[in-house]
Amino acid sequence: EVVGGLTKIPMIISVTSPAFADKDITMSISPYEAGQLSISIYDMAGNKVNDIVTAVKNRDALSVTLKNAVKTKGNYVIKSILNNRFIESWNITVE
């Protein structure tokens, strides 16, 4: 499936659960290929509330932590984009 020119693939293995406001959110990622991984968190209105860019050295699983990820309880969408080619979205609820 292609979304906005990006191919949708599964990359996210797990996300901190439950997630809490003003706490770190850690995700386990299984990258499809080496390169640059951009992870952003959006609120339900579509506003970006946090993001991080990290280098992926190989296809081994890795952990990525967003420090104090969100400030407010609610529902959010995490979008992971690898090499501006692959995307996965993950819904989370922050308590």
N, C-alpha and C. Protein backbone atom coordinates (compact mmCIF):
# COMPACT_ATOMS: atom_id res chain seq x y z
N GLU A 1 0.85 -1.18 0.00
CA GLU A 1 0.00 0.00 0.00
C GLU A 1 0.89 1.24 0.00
N VAL A 2 0.53 2.23 -0.81
CA VAL A 2 1.30 3.48 -0.89
C VAL A 2 0.48 4.61 -0.28
N VAL A 3 1.12 5.37 0.62
CA VAL A 3 0.46 6.49 1.30
C VAL A 3 1.29 7.74 1.05
N GLY A 4 0.73 8.71 0.32
CA GLY A 4 1.45 9.95 0.06
C GLY A 4 2.80 9.72 -0.59
N GLY A 5 2.89 8.74 -1.47
CA GLY A 5 4.14 8.45 -2.15
C GLY A 5 5.08 7.56 -1.37
N LEU A 6 4.70 7.19 -0.15
CA LEU A 6 5.53 6.32 0.69
C LEU A 6 4.90 4.93 0.77
N THR A 7 5.72 3.91 0.79
CA THR A 7 5.23 2.53 0.88
C THR A 7 5.00 2.18 2.35
N LYS A 8 3.81 1.68 2.64
CA LYS A 8 3.45 1.33 4.01
C LYS A 8 4.01 -0.05 4.34
N ILE A 9 4.89 -0.13 5.36
CA ILE A 9 5.45 -1.41 5.79
C ILE A 9 5.46 -1.47 7.31
N PRO A 10 5.43 -2.66 7.89
CA PRO A 10 5.52 -2.78 9.35
C PRO A 10 6.97 -2.60 9.81
N MET A 11 7.19 -1.64 10.72
CA MET A 11 8.52 -1.39 11.28
C MET A 11 8.49 -1.38 12.80
N ILE A 12 7.37 -0.91 13.36
CA ILE A 12 7.28 -0.73 14.80
C ILE A 12 6.94 -2.07 15.44
N ILE A 13 7.82 -2.54 16.33
CA ILE A 13 7.57 -3.80 17.05
C ILE A 13 6.71 -3.53 18.27
N SER A 14 7.08 -2.49 19.03
CA SER A 14 6.32 -2.16 20.24
C SER A 14 6.56 -0.71 20.62
N VAL A 15 5.64 -0.19 21.43
CA VAL A 15 5.73 1.17 21.95
C VAL A 15 5.44 1.09 23.44
N THR A 16 6.14 1.92 24.24
CA THR A 16 5.90 1.98 25.68
C THR A 16 4.40 1.98 25.96
N SER A 17 3.96 1.08 26.81
CA SER A 17 2.54 1.01 27.13
C SER A 17 2.37 0.62 28.60
N PRO A 18 1.58 1.35 29.38
CA PRO A 18 0.91 2.57 28.93
C PRO A 18 1.91 3.72 28.80
N ALA A 19 1.55 4.71 27.97
CA ALA A 19 2.36 5.92 27.81
C ALA A 19 1.77 7.00 28.72
N PHE A 20 2.64 7.79 29.31
CA PHE A 20 2.19 8.85 30.23
C PHE A 20 2.69 10.21 29.77
N ALA A 21 1.89 11.24 30.04
CA ALA A 21 2.28 12.61 29.73
C ALA A 21 3.56 12.96 30.49
N ASP A 22 4.42 13.73 29.87
CA ASP A 22 5.70 14.19 30.44
C ASP A 22 6.67 13.06 30.77
N LYS A 23 6.48 11.90 30.17
CA LYS A 23 7.42 10.79 30.35
C LYS A 23 8.00 10.42 28.99
N ASP A 24 9.08 9.65 29.01
CA ASP A 24 9.69 9.19 27.77
C ASP A 24 8.82 8.11 27.13
N ILE A 25 8.82 8.08 25.81
CA ILE A 25 8.17 7.00 25.07
C ILE A 25 9.26 6.31 24.27
N THR A 26 9.40 5.00 24.50
CA THR A 26 10.41 4.22 23.80
C THR A 26 9.73 3.26 22.84
N MET A 27 10.30 3.17 21.65
CA MET A 27 9.75 2.28 20.63
C MET A 27 10.82 1.32 20.19
N SER A 28 10.43 0.08 19.94
CA SER A 28 11.32 -0.89 19.31
C SER A 28 10.98 -0.90 17.83
N ILE A 29 12.02 -0.74 17.02
CA ILE A 29 11.85 -0.63 15.58
C ILE A 29 12.62 -1.75 14.89
N SER A 30 11.99 -2.36 13.90
CA SER A 30 12.65 -3.34 13.05
C SER A 30 12.76 -2.71 11.66
N PRO A 31 13.91 -2.10 11.35
CA PRO A 31 14.01 -1.37 10.08
C PRO A 31 14.11 -2.30 8.87
N TYR A 32 13.55 -1.85 7.78
CA TYR A 32 13.56 -2.60 6.53
C TYR A 32 14.93 -2.52 5.87
N GLU A 33 15.62 -1.39 6.09
CA GLU A 33 16.94 -1.18 5.52
C GLU A 33 17.67 -0.11 6.33
N ALA A 34 18.97 -0.01 6.13
CA ALA A 34 19.76 1.03 6.79
C ALA A 34 19.42 2.39 6.20
N GLY A 35 19.69 3.46 6.96
CA GLY A 35 19.45 4.80 6.45
C GLY A 35 19.01 5.75 7.54
N GLN A 36 18.09 6.64 7.21
CA GLN A 36 17.61 7.66 8.15
C GLN A 36 16.17 7.39 8.54
N LEU A 37 15.93 7.34 9.85
CA LEU A 37 14.59 7.10 10.38
C LEU A 37 14.10 8.36 11.07
N SER A 38 12.95 8.83 10.63
CA SER A 38 12.32 10.01 11.21
C SER A 38 11.05 9.55 11.93
N ILE A 39 10.95 9.89 13.21
CA ILE A 39 9.77 9.51 13.99
C ILE A 39 9.12 10.78 14.53
N SER A 40 7.83 10.94 14.24
CA SER A 40 7.10 12.13 14.68
C SER A 40 5.84 11.70 15.41
N ILE A 41 5.44 12.52 16.38
CA ILE A 41 4.18 12.29 17.10
C ILE A 41 3.26 13.45 16.79
N TYR A 42 2.02 13.11 16.38
CA TYR A 42 1.03 14.12 16.04
C TYR A 42 -0.17 13.98 16.97
N ASP A 43 -0.78 15.15 17.32
CA ASP A 43 -2.03 15.09 18.08
C ASP A 43 -3.17 14.85 17.09
N MET A 44 -4.38 14.71 17.60
CA MET A 44 -5.51 14.35 16.75
C MET A 44 -5.87 15.47 15.77
N ALA A 45 -5.41 16.70 16.03
CA ALA A 45 -5.66 17.82 15.11
C ALA A 45 -4.62 17.85 13.99
N GLY A 46 -3.62 16.94 14.07
CA GLY A 46 -2.60 16.89 13.03
C GLY A 46 -1.38 17.74 13.31
N ASN A 47 -1.28 18.30 14.52
CA ASN A 47 -0.12 19.11 14.88
C ASN A 47 1.02 18.22 15.36
N LYS A 48 2.22 18.47 14.85
CA LYS A 48 3.39 17.71 15.30
C LYS A 48 3.76 18.19 16.70
N VAL A 49 3.85 17.26 17.65
CA VAL A 49 4.17 17.63 19.03
C VAL A 49 5.56 17.18 19.44
N ASN A 50 6.17 16.28 18.68
CA ASN A 50 7.53 15.83 19.00
C ASN A 50 8.08 15.10 17.79
N ASP A 51 9.40 15.14 17.64
CA ASP A 51 10.00 14.34 16.58
C ASP A 51 11.47 14.09 16.86
N ILE A 52 11.99 13.08 16.21
CA ILE A 52 13.39 12.71 16.36
C ILE A 52 13.83 12.08 15.03
N VAL A 53 15.08 12.32 14.69
CA VAL A 53 15.67 11.68 13.51
C VAL A 53 16.87 10.89 14.00
N THR A 54 16.97 9.64 13.56
CA THR A 54 18.06 8.79 14.00
C THR A 54 18.64 8.01 12.82
N ALA A 55 19.91 7.69 12.93
CA ALA A 55 20.57 6.91 11.88
C ALA A 55 20.34 5.43 12.15
N VAL A 56 20.00 4.70 11.09
CA VAL A 56 19.83 3.25 11.16
C VAL A 56 21.04 2.64 10.46
N LYS A 57 21.86 1.92 11.24
CA LYS A 57 23.12 1.40 10.69
C LYS A 57 22.95 0.11 9.90
N ASN A 58 21.95 -0.69 10.27
CA ASN A 58 21.72 -1.97 9.59
C ASN A 58 20.28 -2.39 9.84
N ARG A 59 19.95 -3.63 9.52
CA ARG A 59 18.56 -4.08 9.67
C ARG A 59 18.26 -4.66 11.04
N ASP A 60 19.20 -4.57 11.98
CA ASP A 60 18.96 -5.07 13.33
C ASP A 60 17.93 -4.19 14.04
N ALA A 61 17.14 -4.82 14.90
CA ALA A 61 16.16 -4.07 15.68
C ALA A 61 16.87 -3.04 16.56
N LEU A 62 16.21 -1.89 16.78
CA LEU A 62 16.78 -0.87 17.63
C LEU A 62 15.69 -0.21 18.45
N SER A 63 16.11 0.45 19.53
CA SER A 63 15.17 1.20 20.37
C SER A 63 15.39 2.68 20.13
N VAL A 64 14.28 3.42 20.06
CA VAL A 64 14.33 4.87 19.90
C VAL A 64 13.48 5.46 21.01
N THR A 65 14.04 6.45 21.72
CA THR A 65 13.32 7.08 22.83
C THR A 65 13.06 8.55 22.54
N LEU A 66 11.81 8.95 22.68
CA LEU A 66 11.46 10.36 22.60
C LEU A 66 11.33 10.86 24.03
N LYS A 67 12.19 11.81 24.41
CA LYS A 67 12.21 12.32 25.78
C LYS A 67 11.00 13.22 26.03
N ASN A 68 10.35 13.02 27.20
CA ASN A 68 9.16 13.82 27.56
C ASN A 68 8.27 14.01 26.34
N ALA A 69 7.87 12.90 25.75
CA ALA A 69 7.28 12.89 24.41
C ALA A 69 6.09 13.82 24.22
N VAL A 70 5.11 13.74 25.11
CA VAL A 70 3.93 14.61 24.98
C VAL A 70 3.59 15.21 26.33
N LYS A 71 2.96 16.37 26.30
CA LYS A 71 2.68 17.12 27.53
C LYS A 71 1.26 16.88 28.05
N THR A 72 0.38 16.39 27.20
CA THR A 72 -1.04 16.32 27.55
C THR A 72 -1.60 14.93 27.31
N LYS A 73 -2.48 14.49 28.19
CA LYS A 73 -3.17 13.22 27.99
C LYS A 73 -4.01 13.28 26.73
N GLY A 74 -4.17 12.13 26.08
CA GLY A 74 -5.02 12.10 24.89
C GLY A 74 -4.55 11.06 23.89
N ASN A 75 -5.11 11.13 22.70
CA ASN A 75 -4.77 10.19 21.63
C ASN A 75 -3.82 10.84 20.64
N TYR A 76 -2.83 10.08 20.21
CA TYR A 76 -1.80 10.59 19.31
C TYR A 76 -1.50 9.56 18.23
N VAL A 77 -0.85 10.02 17.17
CA VAL A 77 -0.40 9.14 16.10
C VAL A 77 1.12 9.27 15.99
N ILE A 78 1.80 8.13 16.02
CA ILE A 78 3.24 8.11 15.79
C ILE A 78 3.45 7.73 14.33
N LYS A 79 4.24 8.52 13.61
CA LYS A 79 4.57 8.20 12.21
C LYS A 79 6.06 7.96 12.11
N SER A 80 6.43 6.79 11.63
CA SER A 80 7.83 6.45 11.39
C SER A 80 8.05 6.46 9.88
N ILE A 81 9.06 7.22 9.45
CA ILE A 81 9.38 7.29 8.02
C ILE A 81 10.85 6.93 7.85
N LEU A 82 11.11 5.92 7.03
CA LEU A 82 12.46 5.44 6.78
C LEU A 82 12.89 5.84 5.37
N ASN A 83 13.99 6.61 5.30
CA ASN A 83 14.58 7.01 4.02
C ASN A 83 13.60 7.72 3.08
N ASN A 84 12.61 8.41 3.65
CA ASN A 84 11.60 9.09 2.84
C ASN A 84 10.95 8.15 1.81
N ARG A 85 10.94 6.85 2.12
CA ARG A 85 10.36 5.86 1.20
C ARG A 85 9.32 4.96 1.86
N PHE A 86 9.54 4.67 3.16
CA PHE A 86 8.67 3.72 3.86
C PHE A 86 8.03 4.40 5.06
N ILE A 87 6.78 4.06 5.34
CA ILE A 87 6.05 4.69 6.45
C ILE A 87 5.26 3.65 7.23
N GLU A 88 5.13 3.91 8.53
CA GLU A 88 4.17 3.18 9.35
C GLU A 88 3.60 4.15 10.37
N SER A 89 2.30 4.05 10.60
CA SER A 89 1.62 4.86 11.62
C SER A 89 1.16 3.95 12.74
N TRP A 90 1.17 4.49 13.96
CA TRP A 90 0.80 3.72 15.14
C TRP A 90 0.02 4.66 16.06
N ASN A 91 -1.16 4.26 16.47
CA ASN A 91 -1.97 5.08 17.37
C ASN A 91 -1.63 4.76 18.81
N ILE A 92 -1.50 5.81 19.63
CA ILE A 92 -1.26 5.59 21.05
C ILE A 92 -2.20 6.48 21.87
N THR A 93 -2.47 6.02 23.08
CA THR A 93 -3.21 6.81 24.05
C THR A 93 -2.27 7.16 25.18
N VAL A 94 -2.18 8.42 25.51
CA VAL A 94 -1.30 8.89 26.59
C VAL A 94 -2.18 9.19 27.80
N GLU A 95 -1.75 8.63 28.94
CA GLU A 95 -2.53 8.77 30.18
C GLU A 95 -1.94 9.81 31.11
